[in-house]
Amino acid sequence: MVDIPPGSTLTFSRDRNIICTVHDNKSVTFEGEITSLSAAALKALHRLGYNWTQVQGPQYWQFEDETLEERRQRMEEAI
């Protein structure tokens, strides 16, 4: 959806030391597990002390210093 190839590294917006790898167009590999962006973001947020029960993953993962949500919006506007 946002044209990021499998194998690309995504960084977590709240801690750039936290990363995941794009697995396919619907999932990432986070800490050795294939999961969704949202599940990976929630797990990372829990480690940072947040007690949230759900999040929208694209708002937290970045590619080339842009969240995936920002990237999607930019690409949609360009159409």
C-alpha atoms as a PDB file:
ATOM      1  CA  MET A   1       0.000   0.000   0.000  1.00  0.00           C
ATOM      2  CA  VAL A   2       2.849   2.408   0.699  1.00  0.00           C
ATOM      3  CA  ASP A   3       5.404   0.893  -1.688  1.00  0.00           C
ATOM      4  CA  ILE A   4       7.979  -0.387   0.792  1.00  0.00           C
ATOM      5  CA  PRO A   5       9.789  -3.516  -0.368  1.00  0.00           C
ATOM      6  CA  PRO A   6      10.049  -6.666   1.773  1.00  0.00           C
ATOM      7  CA  GLY A   7      13.279  -6.705   3.746  1.00  0.00           C
ATOM      8  CA  SER A   8      13.186  -2.957   4.414  1.00  0.00           C
ATOM      9  CA  THR A   9      13.810  -1.778   7.962  1.00  0.00           C
ATOM     10  CA  LEU A  10      11.219   0.298   9.809  1.00  0.00           C
ATOM     11  CA  THR A  11      12.068   2.306  12.915  1.00  0.00           C
ATOM     12  CA  PHE A  12       9.796   2.993  15.852  1.00  0.00           C
ATOM     13  CA  SER A  13       8.924   6.670  16.171  1.00  0.00           C
ATOM     14  CA  ARG A  14       9.224   6.771  19.977  1.00  0.00           C
ATOM     15  CA  ASP A  15      12.580   4.968  20.108  1.00  0.00           C
ATOM     16  CA  ARG A  16      14.671   4.742  16.946  1.00  0.00           C
ATOM     17  CA  ASN A  17      16.602   1.812  18.444  1.00  0.00           C
ATOM     18  CA  ILE A  18      13.466  -0.328  18.097  1.00  0.00           C
ATOM     19  CA  ILE A  19      13.185  -1.734  14.588  1.00  0.00           C
ATOM     20  CA  CYS A  20      11.223  -4.254  12.567  1.00  0.00           C
ATOM     21  CA  THR A  21      11.575  -5.625   9.049  1.00  0.00           C
ATOM     22  CA  VAL A  22       8.911  -5.602   6.357  1.00  0.00           C
ATOM     23  CA  HIS A  23       7.880  -9.209   5.719  1.00  0.00           C
ATOM     24  CA  ASP A  24       5.225  -8.621   3.058  1.00  0.00           C
ATOM     25  CA  ASN A  25       2.522  -6.047   2.266  1.00  0.00           C
ATOM     26  CA  LYS A  26       0.561  -6.933   5.424  1.00  0.00           C
ATOM     27  CA  SER A  27       3.096  -8.009   8.033  1.00  0.00           C
ATOM     28  CA  VAL A  28       6.477  -7.326   9.598  1.00  0.00           C
ATOM     29  CA  THR A  29       9.048  -9.349  11.475  1.00  0.00           C
ATOM     30  CA  PHE A  30       9.501  -8.010  14.991  1.00  0.00           C
ATOM     31  CA  GLU A  31      11.835  -9.776  17.398  1.00  0.00           C
ATOM     32  CA  GLY A  32      11.844 -12.904  15.259  1.00  0.00           C
ATOM     33  CA  GLU A  33       8.051 -13.129  14.986  1.00  0.00           C
ATOM     34  CA  ILE A  34       5.909 -12.366  11.945  1.00  0.00           C
ATOM     35  CA  THR A  35       3.162 -10.042  13.126  1.00  0.00           C
ATOM     36  CA  SER A  36       1.113  -6.990  12.168  1.00  0.00           C
ATOM     37  CA  LEU A  37       2.365  -3.413  12.389  1.00  0.00           C
ATOM     38  CA  SER A  38      -0.146  -2.692  15.138  1.00  0.00           C
ATOM     39  CA  ALA A  39       0.798  -5.725  17.238  1.00  0.00           C
ATOM     40  CA  ALA A  40       4.483  -4.859  16.923  1.00  0.00           C
ATOM     41  CA  ALA A  41       3.813  -1.229  17.876  1.00  0.00           C
ATOM     42  CA  LEU A  42       1.728  -2.272  20.878  1.00  0.00           C
ATOM     43  CA  LYS A  43       4.469  -4.615  22.078  1.00  0.00           C
ATOM     44  CA  ALA A  44       7.071  -1.862  21.714  1.00  0.00           C
ATOM     45  CA  LEU A  45       4.858   0.639  23.547  1.00  0.00           C
ATOM     46  CA  HIS A  46       4.310  -1.803  26.414  1.00  0.00           C
ATOM     47  CA  ARG A  47       8.080  -2.096  26.782  1.00  0.00           C
ATOM     48  CA  LEU A  48       8.271   1.693  26.990  1.00  0.00           C
ATOM     49  CA  GLY A  49       5.796   1.669  29.869  1.00  0.00           C
ATOM     50  CA  TYR A  50       2.514   2.397  28.096  1.00  0.00           C
ATOM     51  CA  ASN A  51      -0.516   0.321  29.122  1.00  0.00           C
ATOM     52  CA  TRP A  52      -2.565   0.909  25.991  1.00  0.00           C
ATOM     53  CA  THR A  53      -4.692  -1.952  24.680  1.00  0.00           C
ATOM     54  CA  GLN A  54      -4.666  -1.014  21.002  1.00  0.00           C
ATOM     55  CA  VAL A  55      -2.841   1.269  18.589  1.00  0.00           C
ATOM     56  CA  GLN A  56      -2.727   2.014  14.889  1.00  0.00           C
ATOM     57  CA  GLY A  57       0.657   0.676  13.855  1.00  0.00           C
ATOM     58  CA  PRO A  58       1.198   2.896  10.793  1.00  0.00           C
ATOM     59  CA  GLN A  59       1.239   5.940  13.094  1.00  0.00           C
ATOM     60  CA  TYR A  60       4.265   4.574  14.981  1.00  0.00           C
ATOM     61  CA  TRP A  61       6.511   2.932  12.391  1.00  0.00           C
ATOM     62  CA  GLN A  62       8.702   5.036  10.109  1.00  0.00           C
ATOM     63  CA  PHE A  63      10.389   4.495   6.788  1.00  0.00           C
ATOM     64  CA  GLU A  64      12.851   7.123   5.590  1.00  0.00           C
ATOM     65  CA  ASP A  65      11.930   9.453   8.505  1.00  0.00           C
ATOM     66  CA  GLU A  66       8.223   9.442   7.654  1.00  0.00           C
ATOM     67  CA  THR A  67       5.528   7.470   9.475  1.00  0.00           C
ATOM     68  CA  LEU A  68       3.723   4.958   7.318  1.00  0.00           C
ATOM     69  CA  GLU A  69       0.518   6.928   7.913  1.00  0.00           C
ATOM     70  CA  GLU A  70       2.177  10.133   6.620  1.00  0.00           C
ATOM     71  CA  ARG A  71       3.575   8.210   3.654  1.00  0.00           C
ATOM     72  CA  ARG A  72       0.155   6.785   2.782  1.00  0.00           C
ATOM     73  CA  GLN A  73      -1.446  10.219   2.947  1.00  0.00           C
ATOM     74  CA  ARG A  74       1.294  11.757   0.789  1.00  0.00           C
ATOM     75  CA  MET A  75       0.963   9.021  -1.814  1.00  0.00           C
ATOM     76  CA  GLU A  76      -2.833   9.318  -1.907  1.00  0.00           C
ATOM     77  CA  GLU A  77      -2.602  13.086  -2.394  1.00  0.00           C
ATOM     78  CA  ALA A  78      -0.199  12.602  -5.303  1.00  0.00           C
ATOM     79  CA  ILE A  79      -2.771  10.553  -7.244  1.00  0.00           C
END
